[in-house]
Amino acid sequence: MPEEIIIKNGYVIDPQQDTIEIKEIAVRNGLLVEPQDSSSANVTYINAEGCYVSPGFIDMHVHIFTGHTELGIDADLVGIEQGVTTVVDAGSAGYSDYAAFKEKVVEPSQTKVLSFLNIARKGLTSGLTELANMEDLMSIEEAEEIFKKEPSIVGLKARMSGSVVKNSGIKPLQHARMLADRLSVPIMVHIGNPPPHLQDIFPLLSKGDIVTHAFHGKKHGIMNAEGELIPEALDALKRGVLFDVGHGTSSFSYETLMKFREQYDDSFTTSTDIYIKNYQSPVCSLMTTMTKLLELGIPLIEVVKSVTLGAANALGASDIGTLALGTKADITIFKIIEQRTILIDSEGVELEAKQILKPYMVLRNGKVVYHDESTNSKRARDNL
């Protein structure tokens, strides 16, 4: 007998249709199906009154290689327990240690785990200067082997900060470009303090590549003194290069994001760059990062799209981030709670939020894997 779940009375957010409306969502045998009357005794009804129902949230920049890197945090702690059905580890593992990452993180986690593979063979397992020696970078033969074998690897990661590359300059990114072109996969590029400078980084990026930490508040960022994108960043956007928040400890500025929003209509993805040392502050969770965006005036539908359909498109994934019928039922149900909270960005700037997002229930492959019955909710119609 088929197992069926019907989620009713919730405000359903459909990022493909740009709609928020009260309607039913039905799940049968783990897949999203058309709601219909059912007299089956095997139906479970979930009352989502006062909640929002969305495709499962995707955090496309996390560090979850616990026990092997100094950054690692538990995947389910920042995944399903925070309303996130899919997380993407951004370069913690490389060619040499992906097997251990798969065994200890990918396979046992209830949260779906994907990866951007570090172009350094040892990833971050030997420290945070992994691109300083060009001899440590993955070969094309190694890259072709592991990408053919591991479908959970969705792209490459290159951290282009002076503290990471040391004297290698732009060469690691040139190597990443060669690998990505051969494999037809995107590169997620971390930007921070130069060298190399963005004027050298952006010209190497192609359509579908992702610039994470795009809105940091450091010098030599994407915006110039006049509050406009530097020419290389603007050209990259026009080519189809994607911008990603990648909050992190020191990589997200309210001011930078708002300057960007004032001038440009381009969409971006929202991720946390969460790891053990920034979990308590300033990042906390994906929903906390989303709350910050809401308080800055970004509409709820746009914020949700940045962690669902937008993120899925960036990953080249058609089976997540959607409510399309026939896809696996990864669903995030969340509440917007009226609660005054001080939220800080990576520059220490305080933002007083009047309300916060809280996870209520999470379904993975059509099964409830997280349920928080402690949150008291109030409908937030003003966000529709």
Protein backbone atom coordinates (compact mmCIF):
# COMPACT_ATOMS: atom_id res chain seq x y z
CA MET A 1 0.00 0.00 0.00
CA PRO A 2 1.48 3.38 -0.97
CA GLU A 3 2.49 5.77 1.80
CA GLU A 4 0.94 9.20 1.41
CA ILE A 5 1.44 12.52 3.16
CA ILE A 6 -0.73 15.58 2.64
CA ILE A 7 0.53 18.94 3.90
CA LYS A 8 -2.41 21.31 4.30
CA ASN A 9 -3.23 24.88 5.38
CA GLY A 10 0.30 26.21 4.82
CA TYR A 11 1.47 29.12 2.72
CA VAL A 12 3.17 27.25 -0.13
CA ILE A 13 6.11 29.06 -1.70
CA ASP A 14 6.68 27.94 -5.28
CA PRO A 15 9.89 29.58 -6.61
CA GLN A 16 9.22 28.38 -10.14
CA GLN A 17 5.85 30.11 -10.24
CA ASP A 18 6.84 33.08 -8.03
CA THR A 19 3.77 32.42 -5.89
CA ILE A 20 2.89 32.21 -2.21
CA GLU A 21 -0.57 30.78 -1.63
CA ILE A 22 -2.45 28.46 0.68
CA LYS A 23 -2.78 25.05 -0.97
CA GLU A 24 -2.10 21.39 -0.34
CA ILE A 25 1.11 19.53 -1.10
CA ALA A 26 0.90 15.76 -1.54
CA VAL A 27 3.63 13.15 -1.28
CA ARG A 28 3.32 9.52 -2.31
CA ASN A 29 6.12 7.00 -1.90
CA GLY A 30 8.64 9.78 -1.45
CA LEU A 31 7.66 11.78 -4.55
CA LEU A 32 5.63 14.95 -5.01
CA VAL A 33 2.26 14.18 -6.58
CA GLU A 34 -0.97 15.97 -7.43
CA PRO A 35 -3.18 16.37 -4.33
CA GLN A 36 -6.40 14.39 -4.57
CA ASP A 37 -9.12 13.13 -2.29
CA SER A 38 -8.01 9.97 -0.55
CA SER A 39 -9.87 7.61 1.72
CA SER A 40 -6.78 5.50 2.30
CA ALA A 41 -6.01 4.71 5.91
CA ASN A 42 -2.33 5.10 5.06
CA VAL A 43 -2.49 8.89 4.69
CA THR A 44 -0.68 11.16 7.15
CA TYR A 45 -1.95 14.72 7.33
CA ILE A 46 0.43 17.52 8.35
CA ASN A 47 -1.28 20.71 9.45
CA ALA A 48 1.01 23.59 8.40
CA GLU A 49 -1.35 26.37 9.49
CA GLY A 50 0.63 29.53 10.20
CA CYS A 51 3.70 28.07 8.44
CA TYR A 52 5.39 28.45 5.10
CA VAL A 53 5.96 25.36 2.95
CA SER A 54 8.87 25.46 0.53
CA PRO A 55 11.11 23.22 -1.53
CA GLY A 56 13.89 21.96 0.71
CA PHE A 57 16.46 24.64 1.45
CA ILE A 58 19.95 24.28 -0.06
CA ASP A 59 23.06 25.68 1.63
CA MET A 60 25.67 25.58 -1.10
CA HIS A 61 28.68 26.58 1.01
CA VAL A 62 29.39 24.70 4.25
CA HIS A 63 32.36 22.93 5.86
CA ILE A 64 31.35 19.60 7.39
CA PHE A 65 34.44 17.37 7.27
CA THR A 66 34.51 16.75 11.02
CA GLY A 67 37.59 15.13 12.53
CA HIS A 68 39.72 15.80 9.45
CA THR A 69 39.74 19.60 9.15
CA GLU A 70 39.83 22.36 11.74
CA LEU A 71 36.62 23.81 10.30
CA GLY A 72 34.33 20.77 10.29
CA ILE A 73 30.85 20.87 11.84
CA ASP A 74 28.20 18.11 11.85
CA ALA A 75 26.22 17.99 8.61
CA ASP A 76 22.84 17.34 10.23
CA LEU A 77 23.38 20.05 12.85
CA VAL A 78 23.59 22.68 10.10
CA GLY A 79 21.37 20.68 7.73
CA ILE A 80 18.03 19.14 8.60
CA GLU A 81 18.06 20.49 12.16
CA GLN A 82 18.15 23.99 10.67
CA GLY A 83 15.57 23.36 7.97
CA VAL A 84 18.14 22.61 5.26
CA THR A 85 17.66 19.45 3.20
CA THR A 86 20.82 19.73 1.06
CA VAL A 87 24.25 21.03 1.98
CA VAL A 88 27.26 21.41 -0.28
CA ASP A 89 30.68 21.11 1.28
CA ALA A 90 32.85 23.73 -0.37
CA GLY A 91 36.31 22.29 -0.70
CA SER A 92 36.98 20.65 2.65
CA ALA A 93 37.94 17.46 0.82
CA GLY A 94 40.21 16.95 -2.15
CA TYR A 95 41.08 14.00 -4.37
CA SER A 96 43.17 12.25 -1.70
CA ASP A 97 40.63 12.36 1.12
CA TYR A 98 37.24 12.32 -0.62
CA ALA A 99 36.83 8.60 0.13
CA ALA A 100 37.04 9.34 3.88
CA PHE A 101 34.64 12.28 3.46
CA LYS A 102 32.16 10.04 1.65
CA GLU A 103 32.35 7.34 4.31
CA LYS A 104 32.17 9.60 7.35
CA VAL A 105 29.93 12.44 6.12
CA VAL A 106 28.06 11.77 2.88
CA GLU A 107 26.79 8.27 3.62
CA PRO A 108 25.73 8.52 7.31
CA SER A 109 24.09 11.97 7.14
CA GLN A 110 20.32 12.34 6.87
CA THR A 111 20.93 15.64 5.11
CA LYS A 112 21.76 15.28 1.41
CA VAL A 113 25.47 16.08 1.02
CA LEU A 114 27.05 17.31 -2.21
CA SER A 115 30.57 18.66 -2.71
CA PHE A 116 32.71 21.15 -4.53
CA LEU A 117 35.99 19.25 -4.65
CA ASN A 118 39.06 21.26 -3.66
CA ILE A 119 41.57 21.53 -6.50
CA ALA A 120 44.26 20.74 -3.91
CA ARG A 121 44.61 16.98 -3.45
CA LYS A 122 44.42 17.17 0.35
CA GLY A 123 41.69 19.79 0.50
CA LEU A 124 41.73 21.53 3.88
CA THR A 125 42.95 18.48 5.80
CA SER A 126 46.52 19.79 5.99
CA GLY A 127 45.73 23.40 6.84
CA LEU A 128 44.45 26.52 5.15
CA THR A 129 47.28 27.25 2.68
CA GLU A 130 46.36 24.42 0.33
CA LEU A 131 47.09 26.33 -2.90
CA ALA A 132 50.55 27.60 -1.97
CA ASN A 133 52.37 24.77 -3.77
CA MET A 134 51.35 24.03 -7.34
CA GLU A 135 52.65 20.48 -7.01
CA ASP A 136 49.84 19.79 -4.53
CA LEU A 137 47.10 20.41 -7.10
CA MET A 138 44.97 17.63 -8.56
CA SER A 139 45.97 16.41 -12.02
CA ILE A 140 43.56 16.17 -14.94
CA GLU A 141 43.78 12.37 -14.80
CA GLU A 142 42.85 12.36 -11.11
CA ALA A 143 40.02 14.81 -11.72
CA GLU A 144 38.54 12.77 -14.56
CA GLU A 145 38.75 9.60 -12.47
CA ILE A 146 36.99 10.95 -9.38
CA PHE A 147 34.29 12.92 -11.20
CA LYS A 148 33.38 9.86 -13.22
CA LYS A 149 33.12 7.78 -10.06
CA GLU A 150 31.45 10.19 -7.60
CA PRO A 151 28.12 11.73 -8.66
CA SER A 152 27.86 13.73 -5.42
CA ILE A 153 30.74 15.97 -6.56
CA VAL A 154 29.17 18.89 -8.42
CA GLY A 155 32.15 21.14 -9.17
CA LEU A 156 35.55 22.46 -8.15
CA LYS A 157 36.56 24.83 -5.34
CA ALA A 158 39.43 27.33 -5.49
CA ARG A 159 40.13 29.72 -2.62
CA MET A 160 41.76 32.78 -4.15
CA SER A 161 43.06 34.77 -1.18
CA GLY A 162 46.62 35.85 -0.55
CA SER A 163 46.77 33.81 2.66
CA VAL A 164 45.82 30.66 0.73
CA VAL A 165 47.81 30.95 -2.49
CA LYS A 166 50.93 32.64 -1.02
CA ASN A 167 53.36 33.05 -3.94
CA SER A 168 51.31 31.02 -6.40
CA GLY A 169 49.27 34.07 -7.39
CA ILE A 170 46.66 33.44 -10.07
CA LYS A 171 48.16 30.11 -11.18
CA PRO A 172 45.88 27.85 -9.09
CA LEU A 173 42.81 29.43 -10.70
CA GLN A 174 44.31 28.97 -14.14
CA HIS A 175 44.75 25.30 -13.25
CA ALA A 176 41.15 25.13 -12.01
CA ARG A 177 39.96 26.67 -15.29
CA MET A 178 41.75 23.96 -17.24
CA LEU A 179 40.20 21.22 -15.10
CA ALA A 180 36.71 22.72 -15.21
CA ASP A 181 36.77 23.12 -18.99
CA ARG A 182 37.85 19.51 -19.45
CA LEU A 183 35.19 18.22 -17.04
CA SER A 184 32.41 20.70 -17.98
CA VAL A 185 31.76 21.57 -14.32
CA PRO A 186 31.55 24.91 -12.49
CA ILE A 187 34.19 26.43 -10.27
CA MET A 188 33.23 27.97 -6.94
CA VAL A 189 35.78 30.71 -6.34
CA HIS A 190 36.37 32.13 -2.87
CA ILE A 191 37.38 35.81 -3.00
CA GLY A 192 39.00 37.65 -0.11
CA ASN A 193 42.08 39.73 0.52
CA PRO A 194 44.42 40.00 -2.50
CA PRO A 195 46.61 39.06 -4.14
CA PRO A 196 45.39 37.90 -6.57
CA HIS A 197 43.17 40.87 -7.37
CA LEU A 198 39.65 40.60 -8.73
CA GLN A 199 40.86 42.22 -11.94
CA ASP A 200 42.86 39.03 -12.52
CA ILE A 201 40.27 36.59 -11.12
CA PHE A 202 37.07 37.58 -12.92
CA PRO A 203 38.41 37.30 -16.50
CA LEU A 204 39.12 33.60 -15.86
CA LEU A 205 35.52 32.83 -14.90
CA SER A 206 32.91 31.44 -17.29
CA LYS A 207 29.14 31.13 -17.37
CA GLY A 208 27.96 29.02 -14.41
CA ASP A 209 31.01 29.64 -12.23
CA ILE A 210 30.19 30.88 -8.73
CA VAL A 211 31.85 33.72 -6.84
CA THR A 212 31.30 33.08 -3.14
CA HIS A 213 31.87 35.81 -0.51
CA ALA A 214 30.78 38.19 -3.28
CA PHE A 215 29.49 40.79 -0.81
CA HIS A 216 32.35 40.96 1.66
CA GLY A 217 33.29 44.31 3.19
CA LYS A 218 37.05 44.12 2.69
CA LYS A 219 39.07 46.43 0.50
CA HIS A 220 39.42 45.53 -3.18
CA GLY A 221 35.91 44.06 -3.39
CA ILE A 222 33.34 43.98 -6.20
CA MET A 223 32.14 47.58 -5.65
CA ASN A 224 34.23 50.67 -6.36
CA ALA A 225 34.29 53.95 -4.41
CA GLU A 226 31.36 55.27 -6.44
CA GLY A 227 29.16 52.34 -5.39
CA GLU A 228 29.30 50.61 -8.77
CA LEU A 229 30.61 47.20 -9.76
CA ILE A 230 34.19 47.16 -10.93
CA PRO A 231 34.22 46.59 -14.73
CA GLU A 232 35.55 43.04 -14.44
CA ALA A 233 32.74 42.04 -12.05
CA LEU A 234 30.09 43.59 -14.29
CA ASP A 235 31.47 41.80 -17.34
CA ALA A 236 31.45 38.53 -15.40
CA LEU A 237 27.77 38.97 -14.47
CA LYS A 238 26.94 39.63 -18.10
CA ARG A 239 28.72 36.37 -19.04
CA GLY A 240 26.57 34.42 -16.58
CA VAL A 241 28.96 34.18 -13.63
CA LEU A 242 26.94 33.80 -10.42
CA PHE A 243 27.32 35.69 -7.15
CA ASP A 244 26.84 33.91 -3.81
CA VAL A 245 26.62 35.37 -0.29
CA GLY A 246 28.89 32.86 1.50
CA HIS A 247 28.45 34.70 4.83
CA GLY A 248 31.30 33.22 6.86
CA THR A 249 33.23 34.79 9.70
CA SER A 250 34.54 37.74 7.70
CA SER A 251 32.89 37.67 4.30
CA PHE A 252 29.46 39.36 4.37
CA SER A 253 28.72 43.08 4.63
CA TYR A 254 25.22 44.56 4.80
CA GLU A 255 26.58 47.71 3.19
CA THR A 256 28.15 45.92 0.22
CA LEU A 257 25.01 43.91 -0.48
CA MET A 258 22.74 46.95 -0.32
CA LYS A 259 25.02 48.97 -2.60
CA PHE A 260 24.80 46.10 -5.08
CA ARG A 261 21.01 45.92 -4.74
CA GLU A 262 20.62 49.65 -5.28
CA GLN A 263 22.34 49.47 -8.66
CA TYR A 264 21.69 46.00 -10.08
CA ASP A 265 18.77 43.60 -10.50
CA ASP A 266 20.90 40.48 -10.82
CA SER A 267 19.90 37.55 -8.61
CA PHE A 268 22.31 35.80 -6.26
CA THR A 269 22.38 32.67 -4.15
CA THR A 270 22.47 32.65 -0.36
CA SER A 271 24.82 30.39 1.58
CA THR A 272 26.45 30.44 5.00
CA ASP A 273 30.07 29.25 4.79
CA ILE A 274 29.21 27.82 8.20
CA TYR A 275 31.81 25.93 10.23
CA ILE A 276 32.54 25.15 13.85
CA LYS A 277 34.01 28.55 14.75
CA ASN A 278 31.24 30.75 13.32
CA TYR A 279 28.25 28.57 14.21
CA GLN A 280 27.46 30.53 17.39
CA SER A 281 28.21 33.91 15.80
CA PRO A 282 27.94 35.61 13.40
CA VAL A 283 26.48 32.98 11.04
CA CYS A 284 24.34 30.66 13.24
CA SER A 285 22.32 29.06 10.41
CA LEU A 286 21.00 29.46 6.90
CA MET A 287 17.68 30.72 8.25
CA THR A 288 19.51 33.35 10.31
CA THR A 289 21.27 34.51 7.15
CA MET A 290 17.91 34.58 5.35
CA THR A 291 16.44 36.60 8.22
CA LYS A 292 19.15 39.21 7.69
CA LEU A 293 18.21 39.51 4.02
CA LEU A 294 14.52 39.88 4.90
CA GLU A 295 15.31 42.64 7.37
CA LEU A 296 17.29 44.43 4.66
CA GLY A 297 14.08 44.58 2.64
CA ILE A 298 14.54 41.69 0.23
CA PRO A 299 11.13 40.03 -0.42
CA LEU A 300 10.49 36.60 1.06
CA ILE A 301 9.92 34.95 -2.33
CA GLU A 302 13.30 36.21 -3.54
CA VAL A 303 15.10 35.08 -0.40
CA VAL A 304 13.55 31.61 -0.62
CA LYS A 305 14.37 31.34 -4.32
CA SER A 306 18.03 32.09 -3.50
CA VAL A 307 18.22 28.92 -1.35
CA THR A 308 16.01 26.69 -3.51
CA LEU A 309 15.60 27.06 -7.27
CA GLY A 310 18.49 29.50 -7.64
CA ALA A 311 20.87 27.26 -5.73
CA ALA A 312 19.67 24.14 -7.55
CA ASN A 313 20.23 25.81 -10.92
CA ALA A 314 23.73 26.84 -9.84
CA LEU A 315 24.46 23.21 -8.97
CA GLY A 316 22.96 21.89 -12.20
CA ALA A 317 20.45 19.87 -10.16
CA SER A 318 16.88 19.40 -11.37
CA ASP A 319 15.72 17.11 -8.56
CA ILE A 320 16.10 19.54 -5.63
CA GLY A 321 14.96 23.08 -4.93
CA THR A 322 11.62 22.47 -6.64
CA LEU A 323 8.02 21.45 -6.00
CA ALA A 324 7.68 19.95 -9.48
CA LEU A 325 5.50 16.85 -9.57
CA GLY A 326 7.43 13.61 -9.78
CA THR A 327 10.55 14.92 -8.01
CA LYS A 328 11.75 13.70 -4.64
CA ALA A 329 9.85 15.31 -1.80
CA ASP A 330 12.48 17.40 -0.02
CA ILE A 331 10.41 20.01 1.81
CA THR A 332 11.16 22.70 4.37
CA ILE A 333 8.32 23.94 6.57
CA PHE A 334 9.20 27.05 8.53
CA LYS A 335 7.67 29.77 10.65
CA ILE A 336 8.23 33.48 10.89
CA ILE A 337 8.25 34.37 14.57
CA GLU A 338 7.78 37.89 15.86
CA GLN A 339 10.89 38.35 17.97
CA ARG A 340 13.27 41.27 18.21
CA THR A 341 16.82 40.08 17.63
CA ILE A 342 20.14 41.81 17.01
CA LEU A 343 21.84 40.28 13.98
CA ILE A 344 25.40 41.18 13.01
CA ASP A 345 27.22 40.90 9.72
CA SER A 346 30.87 39.94 9.31
CA GLU A 347 31.92 43.57 9.86
CA GLY A 348 30.23 43.68 13.28
CA VAL A 349 27.44 45.96 12.04
CA GLU A 350 24.24 45.42 14.03
CA LEU A 351 20.81 45.01 12.47
CA GLU A 352 17.71 44.87 14.66
CA ALA A 353 15.32 42.30 13.24
CA LYS A 354 11.65 42.37 14.20
CA GLN A 355 11.09 38.75 13.24
CA ILE A 356 13.10 35.61 12.63
CA LEU A 357 12.77 32.48 10.53
CA LYS A 358 12.58 29.20 12.43
CA PRO A 359 12.49 25.64 11.09
CA TYR A 360 9.35 23.71 11.99
CA MET A 361 9.50 20.47 9.99
CA VAL A 362 11.71 18.90 7.35
CA LEU A 363 10.92 16.11 4.90
CA ARG A 364 13.67 14.26 3.01
CA ASN A 365 12.61 11.87 0.29
CA GLY A 366 9.06 12.15 1.60
CA LYS A 367 9.85 11.24 5.19
CA VAL A 368 9.77 13.53 8.21
CA VAL A 369 13.35 13.76 9.48
CA TYR A 370 13.01 16.81 11.74
CA HIS A 371 10.10 18.29 13.71
CA ASP A 372 10.32 21.16 16.19
CA GLU A 373 7.11 21.42 18.20
CA SER A 374 8.45 24.14 20.48
CA THR A 375 8.14 27.16 18.18
CA ASN A 376 5.14 29.39 18.66
CA SER A 377 4.09 31.02 15.42
CA LYS A 378 2.04 33.88 14.18
CA ARG A 379 1.09 34.34 10.56
CA ALA A 380 3.24 36.90 8.85
CA ARG A 381 0.96 38.08 6.04
CA ASP A 382 3.05 41.22 5.56
CA ASN A 383 5.73 39.05 3.94
CA LEU A 384 3.51 37.71 1.17
